[in-house]
């Protein structure tokens, strides 16, 4: 799977609520940073998702930018209550996602 395919598969599985599927895409030493949470391992990230699972949602990719080590994807995360635009930057190592930076306007959750 290409880096772009891995990143899109991550978004697809996240929006479907497929936590077990996400685990297969992530490096054990995942570094995750976002406006609401920060995690320093795959297990910590997945535990957070299991403790507070997101309801399945739709998504619509707006833009994909690729460099040799990174993929950035802008997409609309669409739920019944409305949608929010999210930017995610992915970095890869050994065909796994090793870093995720997620950016969105946290006021949407206020």
N, C-alpha and C. Protein backbone atom coordinates (compact mmCIF):
# COMPACT_ATOMS: atom_id res chain seq x y z
N UNK A 1 0.85 -1.18 0.00
CA UNK A 1 0.00 0.00 0.00
C UNK A 1 0.90 1.24 0.00
N UNK A 2 0.57 2.21 -0.83
CA UNK A 2 1.34 3.46 -0.87
C UNK A 2 1.05 4.28 0.39
N UNK A 3 1.89 5.30 0.62
CA UNK A 3 1.65 6.18 1.77
C UNK A 3 0.29 6.87 1.66
N UNK A 4 -0.05 7.30 0.47
CA UNK A 4 -1.35 7.95 0.28
C UNK A 4 -2.49 6.98 0.60
N UNK A 5 -2.37 5.75 0.14
CA UNK A 5 -3.41 4.75 0.42
C UNK A 5 -3.50 4.46 1.92
N UNK A 6 -2.35 4.41 2.61
CA UNK A 6 -2.37 4.20 4.07
C UNK A 6 -3.09 5.34 4.78
N UNK A 7 -2.79 6.58 4.39
CA UNK A 7 -3.41 7.74 5.02
C UNK A 7 -4.92 7.75 4.79
N UNK A 8 -5.34 7.48 3.58
CA UNK A 8 -6.78 7.45 3.28
C UNK A 8 -7.44 6.29 4.01
N UNK A 9 -6.78 5.17 4.10
CA UNK A 9 -7.32 4.03 4.83
C UNK A 9 -7.49 4.37 6.31
N UNK A 10 -6.55 5.13 6.87
CA UNK A 10 -6.69 5.58 8.25
C UNK A 10 -7.96 6.40 8.42
N UNK A 11 -8.17 7.38 7.57
CA UNK A 11 -9.36 8.23 7.67
C UNK A 11 -10.62 7.39 7.50
N UNK A 12 -10.61 6.50 6.54
CA UNK A 12 -11.77 5.63 6.30
C UNK A 12 -12.10 4.79 7.54
N UNK A 13 -11.07 4.17 8.14
CA UNK A 13 -11.30 3.32 9.31
C UNK A 13 -11.69 4.16 10.53
N UNK A 14 -11.08 5.33 10.70
CA UNK A 14 -11.44 6.20 11.82
C UNK A 14 -12.91 6.60 11.70
N UNK A 15 -13.32 7.04 10.52
CA UNK A 15 -14.70 7.49 10.34
C UNK A 15 -15.70 6.34 10.47
N UNK A 16 -15.27 5.12 10.22
CA UNK A 16 -16.15 3.95 10.37
C UNK A 16 -16.17 3.44 11.81
N UNK A 17 -15.28 3.96 12.66
CA UNK A 17 -15.19 3.48 14.03
C UNK A 17 -14.48 2.14 14.14
N UNK A 18 -13.65 1.81 13.17
CA UNK A 18 -12.94 0.53 13.12
C UNK A 18 -11.59 0.63 13.85
N UNK A 19 -11.64 0.53 15.18
CA UNK A 19 -10.44 0.68 16.00
C UNK A 19 -9.45 -0.44 15.73
N UNK A 20 -9.93 -1.66 15.59
CA UNK A 20 -9.02 -2.78 15.32
C UNK A 20 -8.33 -2.61 13.98
N UNK A 21 -9.05 -2.09 13.01
CA UNK A 21 -8.45 -1.83 11.70
C UNK A 21 -7.40 -0.74 11.76
N UNK A 22 -7.63 0.27 12.59
CA UNK A 22 -6.63 1.33 12.77
C UNK A 22 -5.34 0.78 13.33
N UNK A 23 -5.45 -0.14 14.27
CA UNK A 23 -4.26 -0.70 14.93
C UNK A 23 -3.28 -1.28 13.90
N UNK A 24 -3.79 -1.85 12.84
CA UNK A 24 -2.94 -2.47 11.82
C UNK A 24 -2.15 -1.45 11.01
N UNK A 25 -2.59 -0.20 11.01
CA UNK A 25 -1.96 0.84 10.20
C UNK A 25 -0.91 1.63 10.96
N UNK A 26 -0.90 1.52 12.29
CA UNK A 26 -0.11 2.41 13.14
C UNK A 26 1.14 1.75 13.68
N UNK A 27 2.20 2.53 13.73
CA UNK A 27 3.45 2.10 14.35
C UNK A 27 3.26 2.00 15.86
N UNK A 28 3.96 1.07 16.48
CA UNK A 28 3.89 0.90 17.94
C UNK A 28 4.26 2.20 18.66
N UNK A 29 5.21 2.95 18.10
CA UNK A 29 5.68 4.19 18.72
C UNK A 29 5.02 5.42 18.12
N UNK A 30 3.76 5.30 17.77
CA UNK A 30 3.01 6.41 17.18
C UNK A 30 3.15 7.68 18.01
N UNK A 31 3.36 8.79 17.32
CA UNK A 31 3.34 10.11 17.94
C UNK A 31 2.12 10.84 17.36
N UNK A 32 1.18 11.20 18.23
CA UNK A 32 -0.07 11.83 17.79
C UNK A 32 -0.21 13.16 18.52
N UNK A 33 -0.42 14.24 17.75
CA UNK A 33 -0.63 15.57 18.33
C UNK A 33 -1.84 16.20 17.69
N UNK A 34 -2.69 16.79 18.53
CA UNK A 34 -3.86 17.48 18.04
C UNK A 34 -4.33 18.51 19.04
N UNK A 35 -5.38 19.26 18.71
CA UNK A 35 -5.86 20.30 19.61
C UNK A 35 -6.51 19.75 20.89
N UNK A 36 -6.95 18.52 20.90
CA UNK A 36 -7.62 17.96 22.07
C UNK A 36 -6.76 16.95 22.82
N UNK A 37 -5.88 16.23 22.12
CA UNK A 37 -5.12 15.14 22.74
C UNK A 37 -3.71 15.07 22.18
N UNK A 38 -2.85 14.42 22.97
CA UNK A 38 -1.50 14.07 22.52
C UNK A 38 -1.19 12.69 23.06
N UNK A 39 -0.64 11.82 22.21
CA UNK A 39 -0.31 10.45 22.60
C UNK A 39 1.09 10.10 22.11
N UNK A 40 1.79 9.27 22.88
CA UNK A 40 3.14 8.88 22.55
C UNK A 40 3.26 7.39 22.24
N UNK A 41 2.14 6.74 21.97
CA UNK A 41 2.17 5.33 21.57
C UNK A 41 0.86 4.96 20.89
N UNK A 42 0.93 3.91 20.10
CA UNK A 42 -0.27 3.39 19.45
C UNK A 42 -1.28 2.95 20.50
N UNK A 43 -0.80 2.25 21.53
CA UNK A 43 -1.69 1.72 22.55
C UNK A 43 -2.44 2.83 23.29
N UNK A 44 -1.76 3.93 23.62
CA UNK A 44 -2.43 5.04 24.31
C UNK A 44 -3.50 5.66 23.42
N UNK A 45 -3.19 5.83 22.15
CA UNK A 45 -4.17 6.39 21.21
C UNK A 45 -5.38 5.48 21.08
N UNK A 46 -5.14 4.18 20.87
CA UNK A 46 -6.24 3.24 20.70
C UNK A 46 -7.07 3.10 21.97
N UNK A 47 -6.43 3.13 23.13
CA UNK A 47 -7.16 3.06 24.40
C UNK A 47 -8.11 4.25 24.53
N UNK A 48 -7.65 5.42 24.14
CA UNK A 48 -8.51 6.61 24.18
C UNK A 48 -9.73 6.43 23.28
N UNK A 49 -9.52 5.88 22.10
CA UNK A 49 -10.64 5.65 21.18
C UNK A 49 -11.61 4.61 21.74
N UNK A 50 -11.09 3.59 22.40
CA UNK A 50 -11.95 2.55 22.98
C UNK A 50 -12.76 3.10 24.15
N UNK A 51 -12.16 3.99 24.93
CA UNK A 51 -12.84 4.56 26.09
C UNK A 51 -13.91 5.57 25.70
N UNK A 52 -13.72 6.24 24.58
CA UNK A 52 -14.67 7.24 24.10
C UNK A 52 -14.83 7.09 22.59
N UNK A 53 -15.49 6.00 22.16
CA UNK A 53 -15.57 5.74 20.72
C UNK A 53 -16.40 6.79 19.98
N UNK A 54 -15.88 7.17 18.83
CA UNK A 54 -16.61 8.10 17.97
C UNK A 54 -17.71 7.35 17.24
N UNK A 55 -18.80 8.02 17.01
CA UNK A 55 -19.87 7.45 16.22
C UNK A 55 -19.45 7.46 14.75
N UNK A 56 -19.85 6.46 13.98
CA UNK A 56 -19.49 6.47 12.56
C UNK A 56 -19.91 7.77 11.88
N UNK A 57 -19.05 8.22 10.98
CA UNK A 57 -19.28 9.48 10.28
C UNK A 57 -18.84 9.33 8.84
N UNK A 58 -19.30 10.23 8.01
CA UNK A 58 -18.87 10.28 6.62
C UNK A 58 -17.69 11.25 6.51
N UNK A 59 -17.00 11.19 5.40
CA UNK A 59 -15.93 12.13 5.14
C UNK A 59 -15.89 12.43 3.65
N UNK A 60 -15.33 13.60 3.34
CA UNK A 60 -15.15 14.00 1.95
C UNK A 60 -13.78 14.63 1.83
N UNK A 61 -12.90 13.99 1.07
CA UNK A 61 -11.54 14.50 0.89
C UNK A 61 -11.59 15.77 0.05
N UNK A 62 -10.91 16.80 0.54
CA UNK A 62 -10.83 18.08 -0.16
C UNK A 62 -9.52 18.19 -0.94
N UNK A 63 -8.42 17.79 -0.27
CA UNK A 63 -7.10 17.98 -0.87
C UNK A 63 -6.11 16.97 -0.30
N UNK A 64 -5.20 16.52 -1.15
CA UNK A 64 -4.11 15.63 -0.72
C UNK A 64 -2.81 16.20 -1.27
N UNK A 65 -1.83 16.36 -0.38
CA UNK A 65 -0.50 16.81 -0.78
C UNK A 65 0.49 15.77 -0.31
N UNK A 66 1.46 15.47 -1.19
CA UNK A 66 2.37 14.37 -0.88
C UNK A 66 3.82 14.81 -1.08
N UNK A 67 4.69 14.37 -0.16
CA UNK A 67 6.14 14.49 -0.31
C UNK A 67 6.70 13.10 -0.03
N UNK A 68 7.99 12.88 -0.17
CA UNK A 68 8.51 11.52 0.02
C UNK A 68 8.18 10.89 1.39
N UNK A 69 8.15 11.68 2.45
CA UNK A 69 7.92 11.12 3.78
C UNK A 69 6.59 11.50 4.42
N UNK A 70 5.85 12.40 3.79
CA UNK A 70 4.63 12.93 4.41
C UNK A 70 3.47 12.94 3.43
N UNK A 71 2.29 12.83 4.00
CA UNK A 71 1.04 13.04 3.27
C UNK A 71 0.21 14.00 4.12
N UNK A 72 -0.35 15.02 3.51
CA UNK A 72 -1.32 15.85 4.23
C UNK A 72 -2.65 15.74 3.50
N UNK A 73 -3.68 15.57 4.30
CA UNK A 73 -5.03 15.43 3.75
C UNK A 73 -5.95 16.40 4.47
N UNK A 74 -6.65 17.20 3.70
CA UNK A 74 -7.72 18.04 4.22
C UNK A 74 -9.02 17.33 3.87
N UNK A 75 -9.91 17.23 4.84
CA UNK A 75 -11.19 16.58 4.56
C UNK A 75 -12.28 17.14 5.46
N UNK A 76 -13.51 17.00 4.99
CA UNK A 76 -14.68 17.34 5.80
C UNK A 76 -15.13 16.10 6.54
N UNK A 77 -15.19 16.20 7.86
CA UNK A 77 -15.67 15.13 8.73
C UNK A 77 -17.14 15.44 8.96
N UNK A 78 -18.02 14.60 8.43
CA UNK A 78 -19.45 14.91 8.35
C UNK A 78 -20.27 14.01 9.26
N UNK A 79 -20.92 14.64 10.23
CA UNK A 79 -21.83 13.93 11.13
C UNK A 79 -23.22 14.55 11.00
N UNK A 80 -24.20 13.96 11.65
CA UNK A 80 -25.56 14.49 11.59
C UNK A 80 -25.64 15.92 12.10
N UNK A 81 -24.80 16.25 13.09
CA UNK A 81 -24.83 17.58 13.70
C UNK A 81 -24.18 18.64 12.82
N UNK A 82 -23.49 18.23 11.77
CA UNK A 82 -22.79 19.17 10.89
C UNK A 82 -21.44 18.62 10.49
N UNK A 83 -20.64 19.45 9.86
CA UNK A 83 -19.32 18.98 9.43
C UNK A 83 -18.25 19.94 9.93
N UNK A 84 -17.03 19.41 9.99
CA UNK A 84 -15.88 20.18 10.40
C UNK A 84 -14.74 19.84 9.43
N UNK A 85 -13.99 20.85 9.02
CA UNK A 85 -12.86 20.61 8.15
C UNK A 85 -11.64 20.27 9.01
N UNK A 86 -10.97 19.19 8.64
CA UNK A 86 -9.82 18.69 9.38
C UNK A 86 -8.63 18.59 8.44
N UNK A 87 -7.47 18.95 8.95
CA UNK A 87 -6.21 18.73 8.23
C UNK A 87 -5.41 17.72 9.03
N UNK A 88 -4.89 16.71 8.36
CA UNK A 88 -4.05 15.71 9.02
C UNK A 88 -2.77 15.55 8.23
N UNK A 89 -1.66 15.59 8.96
CA UNK A 89 -0.35 15.35 8.38
C UNK A 89 0.13 14.00 8.90
N UNK A 90 0.48 13.12 8.00
CA UNK A 90 0.93 11.77 8.33
C UNK A 90 2.40 11.62 7.96
N UNK A 91 3.16 10.94 8.81
CA UNK A 91 4.54 10.55 8.48
C UNK A 91 4.63 9.04 8.64
N UNK A 92 5.48 8.41 7.87
CA UNK A 92 5.50 6.95 7.78
C UNK A 92 6.89 6.39 8.07
N UNK A 93 6.90 5.17 8.58
CA UNK A 93 8.14 4.43 8.77
C UNK A 93 7.79 2.95 8.67
N UNK A 94 8.53 2.23 7.85
CA UNK A 94 8.33 0.79 7.68
C UNK A 94 6.88 0.44 7.33
N UNK A 95 6.30 1.20 6.41
CA UNK A 95 4.93 0.96 5.92
C UNK A 95 3.86 1.06 7.02
N UNK A 96 4.15 1.84 8.04
CA UNK A 96 3.19 2.13 9.11
C UNK A 96 3.14 3.64 9.31
N UNK A 97 2.04 4.12 9.85
CA UNK A 97 1.93 5.54 10.20
C UNK A 97 2.63 5.72 11.54
N UNK A 98 3.66 6.58 11.58
CA UNK A 98 4.41 6.76 12.82
C UNK A 98 4.13 8.11 13.48
N UNK A 99 3.63 9.08 12.72
CA UNK A 99 3.28 10.38 13.29
C UNK A 99 2.01 10.90 12.64
N UNK A 100 1.17 11.51 13.48
CA UNK A 100 -0.03 12.18 12.99
C UNK A 100 -0.13 13.53 13.68
N UNK A 101 -0.27 14.56 12.88
CA UNK A 101 -0.59 15.89 13.39
C UNK A 101 -1.97 16.22 12.84
N UNK A 102 -2.91 16.50 13.73
CA UNK A 102 -4.28 16.80 13.31
C UNK A 102 -4.60 18.23 13.72
N UNK A 103 -5.20 18.97 12.79
CA UNK A 103 -5.50 20.38 13.02
C UNK A 103 -6.96 20.62 12.63
N UNK A 104 -7.69 21.25 13.55
CA UNK A 104 -9.06 21.67 13.26
C UNK A 104 -9.43 22.75 14.26
N UNK A 105 -10.51 23.45 14.00
CA UNK A 105 -10.98 24.51 14.89
C UNK A 105 -11.74 23.87 16.03
N UNK A 106 -11.13 23.80 17.22
CA UNK A 106 -11.72 23.17 18.38
C UNK A 106 -12.97 23.86 18.89
N UNK A 107 -13.22 25.08 18.46
CA UNK A 107 -14.45 25.77 18.89
C UNK A 107 -15.69 25.07 18.39
N UNK A 108 -15.52 24.23 17.37
CA UNK A 108 -16.64 23.45 16.85
C UNK A 108 -17.23 22.53 17.91
N UNK A 109 -16.43 22.21 18.94
CA UNK A 109 -16.87 21.29 19.98
C UNK A 109 -17.37 22.01 21.21
N UNK A 110 -17.41 23.32 21.17
CA UNK A 110 -17.79 24.11 22.35
C UNK A 110 -19.26 24.22 22.56
